[in-house]
Amino acid sequence: MPIDDLDTLERKLVKRGFRREDGYYHECADCHEQAIRKYVLSGRTGGRDISICEACGKSRSWRSGAGFEAREEDTSFDLRVFVG
C-alpha cells in the first residue's frame, strides 16, 4: 500500500539529520517497482540508511557501527515509530 503522507515522513527524517542519498529511484526487493527512495545519516560513530518504497510502502533500515565496517539490517525497524 503506498504511503499517503510521504512528504511529512520525509520532513521528519530531514529534521533528524537524514538526507536523500540521490535523486534516483531504486528497485524494491518486495514489489519490484522502481520506487525506492534512499536516505542516509552518517555520524562520527556509525550511521543509518533508510529505504522507503513509494509503491508498496515497505520501509527498511540498516545500521553500521563505528568505522563503517559492516551494515546490519534492523529487522524490527518501524518508520512511523522511528520518526514519531
C-alpha atoms as a PDB file:
ATOM      1  CA  MET A   1       0.000   0.000   0.000  1.00  0.00           C
ATOM      2  CA  PRO A   2       1.518   3.373  -0.981  1.00  0.00           C
ATOM      3  CA  ILE A   3       2.437   5.826   1.755  1.00  0.00           C
ATOM      4  CA  ASP A   4      -0.046   8.707   1.696  1.00  0.00           C
ATOM      5  CA  ASP A   5       1.968  11.041   3.962  1.00  0.00           C
ATOM      6  CA  LEU A   6       5.418  10.555   2.437  1.00  0.00           C
ATOM      7  CA  ASP A   7       6.184  14.296   2.420  1.00  0.00           C
ATOM      8  CA  THR A   8       5.506  14.504   6.158  1.00  0.00           C
ATOM      9  CA  LEU A   9       7.712  11.490   6.872  1.00  0.00           C
ATOM     10  CA  GLU A  10      10.470  12.960   4.706  1.00  0.00           C
ATOM     11  CA  ARG A  11      10.343  16.280   6.604  1.00  0.00           C
ATOM     12  CA  LYS A  12      10.656  14.403   9.888  1.00  0.00           C
ATOM     13  CA  LEU A  13      13.655  12.463   8.569  1.00  0.00           C
ATOM     14  CA  VAL A  14      15.339  15.706   7.472  1.00  0.00           C
ATOM     15  CA  LYS A  15      14.771  17.152  10.965  1.00  0.00           C
ATOM     16  CA  ARG A  16      16.583  14.102  12.364  1.00  0.00           C
ATOM     17  CA  GLY A  17      19.579  14.807  10.114  1.00  0.00           C
ATOM     18  CA  PHE A  18      18.873  12.448   7.227  1.00  0.00           C
ATOM     19  CA  ARG A  19      19.318  13.445   3.618  1.00  0.00           C
ATOM     20  CA  ARG A  20      18.259  11.806   0.382  1.00  0.00           C
ATOM     21  CA  GLU A  21      21.173   9.752  -0.920  1.00  0.00           C
ATOM     22  CA  ASP A  22      20.473  10.548  -4.572  1.00  0.00           C
ATOM     23  CA  GLY A  23      17.653  11.672  -6.832  1.00  0.00           C
ATOM     24  CA  TYR A  24      17.181   8.240  -8.385  1.00  0.00           C
ATOM     25  CA  TYR A  25      14.529   5.663  -7.616  1.00  0.00           C
ATOM     26  CA  HIS A  26      15.832   2.177  -6.916  1.00  0.00           C
ATOM     27  CA  GLU A  27      14.142  -1.208  -7.367  1.00  0.00           C
ATOM     28  CA  CYS A  28      12.128  -2.520  -4.435  1.00  0.00           C
ATOM     29  CA  ALA A  29      13.004  -6.088  -3.424  1.00  0.00           C
ATOM     30  CA  ASP A  30       9.389  -6.717  -2.386  1.00  0.00           C
ATOM     31  CA  CYS A  31       7.256  -5.306  -5.235  1.00  0.00           C
ATOM     32  CA  HIS A  32       9.994  -4.968  -7.931  1.00  0.00           C
ATOM     33  CA  GLU A  33       8.969  -1.395  -8.837  1.00  0.00           C
ATOM     34  CA  GLN A  34      11.478   1.429  -9.367  1.00  0.00           C
ATOM     35  CA  ALA A  35      10.086   3.320  -6.375  1.00  0.00           C
ATOM     36  CA  ILE A  36      12.672   3.206  -3.553  1.00  0.00           C
ATOM     37  CA  ARG A  37      13.859   6.458  -2.006  1.00  0.00           C
ATOM     38  CA  LYS A  38      17.088   6.091  -0.017  1.00  0.00           C
ATOM     39  CA  TYR A  39      18.037   8.282   2.947  1.00  0.00           C
ATOM     40  CA  VAL A  40      21.369   8.311   4.783  1.00  0.00           C
ATOM     41  CA  LEU A  41      22.715   9.574   8.080  1.00  0.00           C
ATOM     42  CA  SER A  42      26.410   9.500   8.835  1.00  0.00           C
ATOM     43  CA  GLY A  43      27.929  10.305  12.153  1.00  0.00           C
ATOM     44  CA  ARG A  44      31.272  10.008  13.856  1.00  0.00           C
ATOM     45  CA  THR A  45      30.343   6.694  15.469  1.00  0.00           C
ATOM     46  CA  GLY A  46      28.377   4.994  12.707  1.00  0.00           C
ATOM     47  CA  GLY A  47      25.390   5.603  10.521  1.00  0.00           C
ATOM     48  CA  ARG A  48      21.969   4.520   9.364  1.00  0.00           C
ATOM     49  CA  ASP A  49      20.428   4.029   5.923  1.00  0.00           C
ATOM     50  CA  ILE A  50      16.669   4.008   5.357  1.00  0.00           C
ATOM     51  CA  SER A  51      14.834   2.964   2.222  1.00  0.00           C
ATOM     52  CA  ILE A  52      11.161   3.722   1.601  1.00  0.00           C
ATOM     53  CA  CYS A  53       9.149   2.288  -1.293  1.00  0.00           C
ATOM     54  CA  GLU A  54       6.602   4.699  -2.736  1.00  0.00           C
ATOM     55  CA  ALA A  55       4.737   1.860  -4.456  1.00  0.00           C
ATOM     56  CA  CYS A  56       4.191  -0.726  -1.704  1.00  0.00           C
ATOM     57  CA  GLY A  57       5.001   1.316   1.422  1.00  0.00           C
ATOM     58  CA  LYS A  58       7.721  -1.025   2.720  1.00  0.00           C
ATOM     59  CA  SER A  59      10.461   0.684   4.712  1.00  0.00           C
ATOM     60  CA  ARG A  60      13.747  -0.887   5.761  1.00  0.00           C
ATOM     61  CA  SER A  61      16.742   0.298   7.719  1.00  0.00           C
ATOM     62  CA  TRP A  62      20.394  -0.689   8.047  1.00  0.00           C
ATOM     63  CA  ARG A  63      22.845   0.361  10.741  1.00  0.00           C
ATOM     64  CA  SER A  64      26.615   0.435  10.701  1.00  0.00           C
ATOM     65  CA  GLY A  65      28.911   0.641  13.669  1.00  0.00           C
ATOM     66  CA  ALA A  66      31.933   2.809  14.262  1.00  0.00           C
ATOM     67  CA  GLY A  67      34.285   2.764  11.292  1.00  0.00           C
ATOM     68  CA  PHE A  68      31.526   1.612   8.920  1.00  0.00           C
ATOM     69  CA  GLU A  69      32.909  -1.957   8.794  1.00  0.00           C
ATOM     70  CA  ALA A  70      29.615  -3.778   8.353  1.00  0.00           C
ATOM     71  CA  ARG A  71      25.973  -2.891   7.831  1.00  0.00           C
ATOM     72  CA  GLU A  72      23.254  -4.886   9.553  1.00  0.00           C
ATOM     73  CA  GLU A  73      19.564  -4.706   8.715  1.00  0.00           C
ATOM     74  CA  ASP A  74      17.401  -3.533  11.588  1.00  0.00           C
ATOM     75  CA  THR A  75      14.660  -6.155  11.185  1.00  0.00           C
ATOM     76  CA  SER A  76      12.415  -4.580  13.841  1.00  0.00           C
ATOM     77  CA  PHE A  77      12.504  -1.144  12.159  1.00  0.00           C
ATOM     78  CA  ASP A  78       9.198   0.748  12.065  1.00  0.00           C
ATOM     79  CA  LEU A  79       9.428   4.067  10.205  1.00  0.00           C
ATOM     80  CA  ARG A  80       6.442   5.668  11.945  1.00  0.00           C
ATOM     81  CA  VAL A  81       7.781   4.803  15.407  1.00  0.00           C
ATOM     82  CA  PHE A  82      11.277   5.978  14.401  1.00  0.00           C
ATOM     83  CA  VAL A  83      10.161   9.444  13.240  1.00  0.00           C
ATOM     84  CA  GLY A  84       7.329   9.722  15.777  1.00  0.00           C
END
